[in-house]
N, C-alpha and C. Protein backbone atom coordinates (compact mmCIF):
# COMPACT_ATOMS: atom_id res chain seq x y z
N UNK A 1 -31.94 269.85 -37.95
CA UNK A 1 -32.62 270.91 -37.35
C UNK A 1 -33.49 270.38 -36.24
N UNK A 2 -33.18 270.96 -35.08
CA UNK A 2 -33.89 270.57 -33.88
C UNK A 2 -34.83 271.66 -33.43
N UNK A 3 -35.97 271.26 -33.24
CA UNK A 3 -37.11 272.27 -32.97
C UNK A 3 -36.89 272.81 -31.62
N UNK A 4 -36.07 272.34 -30.68
CA UNK A 4 -35.91 272.80 -29.44
C UNK A 4 -34.73 273.86 -29.43
N UNK A 5 -34.02 274.04 -30.56
CA UNK A 5 -32.97 274.96 -30.58
C UNK A 5 -33.41 276.39 -30.33
N UNK A 6 -32.69 277.21 -29.85
CA UNK A 6 -32.95 278.56 -29.54
C UNK A 6 -32.08 279.51 -30.33
N UNK A 7 -32.71 280.62 -30.75
CA UNK A 7 -31.98 281.66 -31.46
C UNK A 7 -31.75 282.87 -30.75
N UNK A 8 -30.60 283.36 -30.78
CA UNK A 8 -30.28 284.52 -29.92
C UNK A 8 -30.85 285.73 -30.71
N UNK A 9 -31.63 286.56 -30.00
CA UNK A 9 -32.38 287.77 -30.66
C UNK A 9 -32.11 289.10 -30.00
N UNK A 10 -31.00 289.02 -29.15
CA UNK A 10 -30.53 290.26 -28.53
C UNK A 10 -30.48 290.37 -26.97
N UNK A 11 -29.52 291.02 -26.61
CA UNK A 11 -29.33 291.04 -25.05
C UNK A 11 -29.10 289.64 -24.57
N UNK A 12 -29.82 289.24 -23.63
CA UNK A 12 -29.76 287.73 -22.94
C UNK A 12 -30.88 287.05 -23.41
N UNK A 13 -31.72 287.47 -24.57
CA UNK A 13 -32.87 286.78 -24.97
C UNK A 13 -32.65 285.82 -26.02
N UNK A 14 -33.27 284.63 -25.73
CA UNK A 14 -33.19 283.51 -26.91
C UNK A 14 -34.58 283.09 -27.10
N UNK A 15 -35.00 282.64 -28.20
CA UNK A 15 -36.35 282.20 -28.46
C UNK A 15 -36.29 281.06 -29.49
N UNK A 16 -37.24 280.24 -29.29
CA UNK A 16 -37.37 279.05 -30.25
C UNK A 16 -38.01 279.62 -31.49
N UNK A 17 -37.30 279.21 -32.66
CA UNK A 17 -37.70 279.83 -34.04
C UNK A 17 -39.12 279.44 -34.46
N UNK A 18 -39.70 278.35 -33.88
CA UNK A 18 -40.95 277.93 -34.14
C UNK A 18 -42.11 278.87 -33.62
N UNK A 19 -41.60 279.59 -32.87
CA UNK A 19 -42.60 280.75 -32.10
C UNK A 19 -42.74 281.90 -32.87
N UNK A 20 -41.66 282.10 -33.92
CA UNK A 20 -41.66 283.39 -34.59
C UNK A 20 -42.46 283.35 -35.84
N UNK A 21 -43.43 284.22 -35.88
CA UNK A 21 -44.22 284.27 -37.22
C UNK A 21 -43.40 285.02 -38.43
N UNK A 22 -42.88 286.12 -38.00
CA UNK A 22 -42.17 286.93 -39.00
C UNK A 22 -41.33 287.92 -38.30
N UNK A 23 -40.43 288.51 -39.10
CA UNK A 23 -39.52 289.71 -38.55
C UNK A 23 -39.69 290.68 -39.67
N UNK A 24 -39.80 292.03 -39.12
CA UNK A 24 -39.97 293.23 -39.90
C UNK A 24 -38.79 294.27 -39.59
N UNK A 25 -38.28 294.72 -40.76
CA UNK A 25 -37.33 295.81 -40.58
C UNK A 25 -37.86 297.13 -40.27
N UNK A 26 -37.30 297.79 -39.37
CA UNK A 26 -37.69 299.22 -38.97
C UNK A 26 -36.37 300.11 -38.79
N UNK A 27 -35.97 300.59 -39.90
CA UNK A 27 -34.66 301.30 -39.91
C UNK A 27 -33.45 300.37 -39.52
N UNK A 28 -32.90 300.66 -38.43
CA UNK A 28 -31.81 299.80 -37.90
C UNK A 28 -32.34 298.75 -36.92
N UNK A 29 -33.61 298.65 -36.78
CA UNK A 29 -34.16 297.82 -35.75
C UNK A 29 -34.92 296.72 -36.44
N UNK A 30 -35.38 295.72 -35.62
CA UNK A 30 -36.06 294.58 -36.22
C UNK A 30 -37.23 294.28 -35.21
N UNK A 31 -38.48 294.25 -35.73
CA UNK A 31 -39.52 293.89 -34.93
C UNK A 31 -39.89 292.46 -35.17
N UNK A 32 -39.93 291.68 -34.16
CA UNK A 32 -40.07 290.25 -34.20
C UNK A 32 -41.46 290.01 -33.63
N UNK A 33 -42.45 289.37 -34.59
CA UNK A 33 -43.79 289.04 -34.22
C UNK A 33 -43.87 287.57 -33.82
N UNK A 34 -44.30 287.27 -32.67
CA UNK A 34 -44.30 286.02 -32.16
C UNK A 34 -45.92 285.34 -32.19
N UNK A 35 -45.85 284.08 -32.17
CA UNK A 35 -47.17 283.35 -32.39
C UNK A 35 -48.18 283.81 -31.15
N UNK A 36 -47.71 284.12 -30.01
CA UNK A 36 -48.67 284.35 -28.94
C UNK A 36 -49.15 285.98 -29.14
N UNK A 37 -48.77 286.60 -30.16
CA UNK A 37 -49.26 287.92 -30.17
C UNK A 37 -48.34 289.08 -29.89
N UNK A 38 -47.20 288.67 -29.12
CA UNK A 38 -46.31 289.54 -28.56
C UNK A 38 -45.42 290.01 -29.63
N UNK A 39 -44.84 291.24 -29.56
CA UNK A 39 -43.79 291.79 -30.39
C UNK A 39 -42.44 292.09 -29.52
N UNK A 40 -41.37 291.80 -30.10
CA UNK A 40 -40.09 292.20 -29.53
C UNK A 40 -39.32 293.10 -30.53
N UNK A 41 -38.76 294.23 -30.00
CA UNK A 41 -37.94 295.10 -30.76
C UNK A 41 -36.45 294.93 -30.39
N UNK A 42 -35.86 294.57 -31.55
CA UNK A 42 -34.33 294.23 -31.29
C UNK A 42 -33.56 295.18 -32.17
N UNK A 43 -32.33 295.51 -31.61
CA UNK A 43 -31.53 296.42 -32.17
C UNK A 43 -30.59 295.74 -33.30
N UNK A 44 -30.84 294.53 -33.53
CA UNK A 44 -30.17 293.70 -34.63
C UNK A 44 -30.76 293.90 -35.87
N UNK A 45 -30.01 294.07 -36.96
CA UNK A 45 -30.64 294.27 -38.21
C UNK A 45 -31.22 292.90 -38.79
N UNK A 46 -32.04 293.14 -39.76
CA UNK A 46 -32.80 292.06 -40.42
C UNK A 46 -31.84 291.00 -41.12
N UNK A 47 -30.67 291.36 -41.76
CA UNK A 47 -29.87 290.58 -42.38
C UNK A 47 -29.13 289.64 -41.41
N UNK A 48 -28.82 290.15 -40.22
CA UNK A 48 -28.25 289.27 -39.23
C UNK A 48 -29.25 288.18 -38.73
N UNK A 49 -30.52 288.48 -38.65
CA UNK A 49 -31.43 287.48 -38.23
C UNK A 49 -31.69 286.49 -39.40
N UNK A 50 -31.68 286.98 -40.60
CA UNK A 50 -31.71 286.12 -41.79
C UNK A 50 -30.78 284.94 -41.81
N UNK A 51 -29.46 285.37 -41.36
CA UNK A 51 -28.28 284.37 -41.24
C UNK A 51 -28.56 283.41 -40.14
N UNK A 52 -29.03 283.79 -39.06
CA UNK A 52 -29.28 283.06 -37.88
C UNK A 52 -30.39 281.97 -38.02
N UNK A 53 -31.44 282.40 -38.92
CA UNK A 53 -32.43 281.55 -39.14
C UNK A 53 -32.49 280.73 -40.42
N UNK A 54 -31.27 280.81 -41.02
CA UNK A 54 -31.10 280.16 -42.29
C UNK A 54 -31.45 278.65 -42.31
N UNK A 55 -31.15 278.01 -41.16
CA UNK A 55 -31.25 276.58 -41.11
C UNK A 55 -32.74 276.12 -40.77
N UNK A 56 -33.53 277.12 -40.45
CA UNK A 56 -34.98 276.81 -40.20
C UNK A 56 -35.81 277.21 -41.36
N UNK A 57 -37.04 276.88 -41.29
CA UNK A 57 -37.97 277.36 -42.36
C UNK A 57 -38.40 278.71 -42.56
N UNK A 58 -37.32 279.58 -42.77
CA UNK A 58 -37.60 280.99 -42.94
C UNK A 58 -37.20 281.55 -44.36
N UNK A 59 -37.88 282.53 -44.82
CA UNK A 59 -37.67 283.05 -46.24
C UNK A 59 -37.80 284.52 -46.12
N UNK A 60 -37.00 285.04 -46.90
CA UNK A 60 -36.85 286.63 -47.06
C UNK A 60 -37.48 287.03 -48.36
N UNK A 61 -38.84 287.41 -48.38
CA UNK A 61 -39.56 287.78 -49.48
C UNK A 61 -39.17 289.06 -50.10
N UNK A 62 -38.90 290.03 -49.28
CA UNK A 62 -38.38 291.35 -49.71
C UNK A 62 -37.40 291.80 -48.68
N UNK A 63 -37.00 293.18 -49.01
CA UNK A 63 -35.89 293.70 -48.16
C UNK A 63 -36.44 294.04 -46.67
N UNK A 64 -37.74 294.09 -46.51
CA UNK A 64 -38.32 294.38 -45.29
C UNK A 64 -38.88 293.37 -44.30
N UNK A 65 -38.79 292.05 -44.87
CA UNK A 65 -39.47 290.97 -43.97
C UNK A 65 -38.62 289.72 -44.21
N UNK A 66 -38.64 288.92 -43.06
CA UNK A 66 -38.28 287.61 -43.00
C UNK A 66 -39.38 286.85 -42.43
N UNK A 67 -39.94 285.78 -43.03
CA UNK A 67 -41.22 285.19 -42.72
C UNK A 67 -40.88 283.67 -42.37
N UNK A 68 -41.67 283.07 -41.35
CA UNK A 68 -41.60 281.62 -41.04
C UNK A 68 -42.61 281.04 -42.09
N UNK A 69 -42.18 280.16 -42.79
CA UNK A 69 -43.04 279.45 -43.91
C UNK A 69 -44.23 278.74 -43.38
N UNK A 70 -44.02 278.32 -42.01
CA UNK A 70 -45.00 277.54 -41.46
C UNK A 70 -46.23 278.39 -41.06
N UNK A 71 -46.05 279.71 -41.00
CA UNK A 71 -47.22 280.62 -40.62
C UNK A 71 -47.85 281.23 -41.83
N UNK A 72 -47.59 280.71 -42.89
CA UNK A 72 -48.35 281.29 -44.35
C UNK A 72 -49.67 280.95 -44.17
N UNK A 73 -50.77 281.78 -44.31
CA UNK A 73 -52.11 281.47 -44.38
C UNK A 73 -52.38 281.03 -45.60
N UNK A 74 -52.21 281.99 -46.70
CA UNK A 74 -52.41 281.89 -48.17
C UNK A 74 -51.41 282.57 -48.93
N UNK A 75 -51.37 282.26 -50.25
CA UNK A 75 -50.62 283.13 -51.14
C UNK A 75 -51.30 283.06 -52.46
N UNK A 76 -51.12 284.18 -53.15
CA UNK A 76 -51.87 284.40 -54.36
C UNK A 76 -50.80 284.74 -55.46
N UNK A 77 -50.60 283.82 -56.44
CA UNK A 77 -49.78 284.01 -57.57
C UNK A 77 -50.50 284.16 -58.92
N UNK A 78 -51.71 284.47 -58.80
CA UNK A 78 -52.57 284.62 -60.03
C UNK A 78 -52.29 285.90 -60.76
N UNK A 79 -51.61 286.87 -60.09
CA UNK A 79 -51.50 288.15 -60.80
C UNK A 79 -50.05 288.19 -61.73
N UNK A 80 -49.67 287.04 -62.19
CA UNK A 80 -48.47 287.03 -62.87
C UNK A 80 -47.21 287.03 -62.19
N UNK A 81 -46.44 288.15 -62.29
CA UNK A 81 -45.17 288.26 -61.69
C UNK A 81 -45.25 288.67 -60.05
N UNK A 82 -46.43 289.27 -59.67
CA UNK A 82 -46.37 289.63 -58.24
C UNK A 82 -47.13 288.54 -57.34
N UNK A 83 -46.46 288.16 -56.45
CA UNK A 83 -47.09 287.21 -55.49
C UNK A 83 -47.26 287.83 -54.22
N UNK A 84 -48.47 287.74 -53.66
CA UNK A 84 -48.81 288.14 -52.42
C UNK A 84 -48.95 287.17 -51.25
N UNK A 85 -48.46 287.24 -50.17
CA UNK A 85 -48.56 286.35 -49.07
C UNK A 85 -49.39 286.92 -47.90
N UNK A 86 -50.31 286.04 -47.40
CA UNK A 86 -51.00 286.42 -46.23
C UNK A 86 -50.63 285.50 -44.95
N UNK A 87 -50.14 286.14 -44.01
CA UNK A 87 -49.62 285.41 -42.95
C UNK A 87 -50.75 285.15 -41.94
N UNK A 88 -50.54 284.35 -40.91
CA UNK A 88 -51.70 283.78 -40.04
C UNK A 88 -51.93 285.04 -39.03
N UNK A 89 -51.09 286.11 -38.86
CA UNK A 89 -51.46 287.17 -38.09
C UNK A 89 -52.08 288.32 -38.95
N UNK A 90 -52.46 288.02 -40.17
CA UNK A 90 -53.28 288.73 -41.19
C UNK A 90 -52.39 289.97 -41.65
N UNK A 91 -51.01 289.74 -41.83
CA UNK A 91 -50.20 290.73 -42.34
C UNK A 91 -50.08 290.25 -43.84
N UNK A 92 -50.28 291.31 -44.71
CA UNK A 92 -50.08 291.00 -46.20
C UNK A 92 -48.72 291.33 -46.65
N UNK A 93 -48.01 290.51 -47.30
CA UNK A 93 -46.48 290.80 -47.78
C UNK A 93 -46.42 290.42 -49.24
N UNK A 94 -45.76 291.39 -49.91
CA UNK A 94 -45.52 291.19 -51.37
C UNK A 94 -44.01 290.62 -51.47
N UNK A 95 -44.06 289.82 -52.40
CA UNK A 95 -42.59 289.16 -52.77
C UNK A 95 -42.05 289.90 -54.00
N UNK A 96 -40.76 290.15 -53.69
CA UNK A 96 -40.16 290.91 -54.76
C UNK A 96 -39.93 290.14 -56.10
N UNK A 97 -39.91 290.74 -57.10
CA UNK A 97 -39.78 290.01 -58.51
C UNK A 97 -38.79 289.18 -58.60
N UNK A 98 -37.49 289.49 -57.95
CA UNK A 98 -36.33 288.54 -58.01
C UNK A 98 -36.57 287.31 -57.07
N UNK A 99 -37.37 287.33 -55.98
CA UNK A 99 -37.39 286.33 -55.13
C UNK A 99 -38.73 285.52 -55.49
N UNK A 100 -39.47 285.85 -56.41
CA UNK A 100 -40.79 285.02 -56.69
C UNK A 100 -40.49 283.57 -57.00
N UNK A 101 -39.68 283.39 -58.02
CA UNK A 101 -39.46 282.12 -58.53
C UNK A 101 -38.85 281.13 -57.44
N UNK A 102 -37.99 281.72 -56.56
CA UNK A 102 -37.39 280.81 -55.47
C UNK A 102 -38.44 280.47 -54.51
N UNK A 103 -39.43 281.40 -54.20
CA UNK A 103 -40.44 281.20 -53.19
C UNK A 103 -41.38 280.08 -53.77
N UNK A 104 -41.77 280.24 -54.96
CA UNK A 104 -42.75 279.20 -55.67
C UNK A 104 -42.00 277.83 -55.72
N UNK A 105 -40.85 277.80 -55.83
CA UNK A 105 -39.97 276.62 -56.01
C UNK A 105 -39.99 275.89 -54.48
N UNK A 106 -39.88 276.81 -53.45
CA UNK A 106 -39.97 276.27 -52.14
C UNK A 106 -41.25 275.83 -51.73
N UNK A 107 -42.35 276.56 -52.02
CA UNK A 107 -43.55 276.37 -51.51
C UNK A 107 -44.36 275.10 -52.18
N UNK A 108 -43.97 274.91 -53.47
CA UNK A 108 -44.74 273.91 -54.24
C UNK A 108 -44.08 272.54 -54.35
């Protein structure tokens, strides 16, 4: 994995994955949240981005988000089966029950 690699996000735009905080599904579009506070709207669906970012430190906690594990601020697994993630951009994300064990295995 090379940190200088660029990922195609639509049109003629490519971006370094280390600058992406998270991606959020919006019907057939994806909103890409960047570390500098900018947001990019792409007509590519979240599943396609998940495949492109597979080799980097990204995780899909539920059907609406793909997150960069480097930008996790905190996570709370005290509530039993439900795990909540707080990203560095103050977004709170719930992990689906099916993906909780995988997340905890990766993070610990």
